[in-house]
Amino acid sequence: MKTKRLISFGVTDFASVKREASRMDISVSELVRRIVRDWLDKARKSSKAR
């Protein structure tokens, strides 16, 4: 999934998020929501692993 790549590249500037969202043909807020959900899942998994 594309959001994984975004997170691994640490996309923080809004312009590239917007560009990625328009390329994927989804709203920016939806893309941000996916990134955050993905990031939270990762954090939850890594805290369980400890």
Protein backbone atom coordinates (compact mmCIF):
# COMPACT_ATOMS: atom_id res chain seq x y z
CA MET A 1 0.00 0.00 0.00
CA LYS A 2 1.17 3.50 -0.82
CA THR A 3 0.76 4.90 2.70
CA LYS A 4 3.42 2.52 3.99
CA ARG A 5 5.87 4.05 1.53
CA LEU A 6 4.87 7.56 2.56
CA ILE A 7 5.50 6.79 6.21
CA SER A 8 8.82 5.12 5.54
CA PHE A 9 9.93 8.20 3.61
CA GLY A 10 8.67 10.39 6.43
CA VAL A 11 6.52 12.61 4.26
CA THR A 12 5.75 15.58 6.46
CA ASP A 13 5.42 18.48 4.06
CA PHE A 14 1.88 19.07 2.91
CA ALA A 15 2.72 19.56 -0.76
CA SER A 16 3.95 16.03 -1.26
CA VAL A 17 1.00 14.64 0.68
CA LYS A 18 -1.35 16.59 -1.56
CA ARG A 19 0.51 15.42 -4.67
CA GLU A 20 0.36 11.80 -3.51
CA ALA A 21 -3.34 12.13 -2.71
CA SER A 22 -4.17 13.51 -6.14
CA ARG A 23 -2.11 10.78 -7.78
CA MET A 24 -4.03 8.14 -5.82
CA ASP A 25 -7.29 9.99 -6.56
CA ILE A 26 -8.40 10.27 -2.94
CA SER A 27 -8.94 13.26 -0.70
CA VAL A 28 -6.03 14.64 1.27
CA SER A 29 -7.85 14.08 4.56
CA GLU A 30 -8.44 10.45 3.61
CA LEU A 31 -4.75 9.99 2.85
CA VAL A 32 -3.77 11.62 6.15
CA ARG A 33 -6.27 9.44 7.97
CA ARG A 34 -4.73 6.34 6.38
CA ILE A 35 -1.22 7.44 7.27
CA VAL A 36 -2.19 8.12 10.87
CA ARG A 37 -4.08 4.84 11.20
CA ASP A 38 -1.11 3.00 9.72
CA TRP A 39 1.29 4.78 12.05
CA LEU A 40 -0.87 4.01 15.09
CA ASP A 41 -1.08 0.35 14.09
CA LYS A 42 2.70 0.21 13.81
CA ALA A 43 3.12 1.87 17.20
CA ARG A 44 0.65 -0.52 18.78
CA LYS A 45 2.37 -3.55 17.27
CA SER A 46 5.83 -2.45 18.36
CA SER A 47 4.66 -1.75 21.90
CA LYS A 48 3.11 -5.24 22.06
CA ALA A 49 6.35 -6.77 20.84
CA ARG A 50 8.24 -5.28 23.79
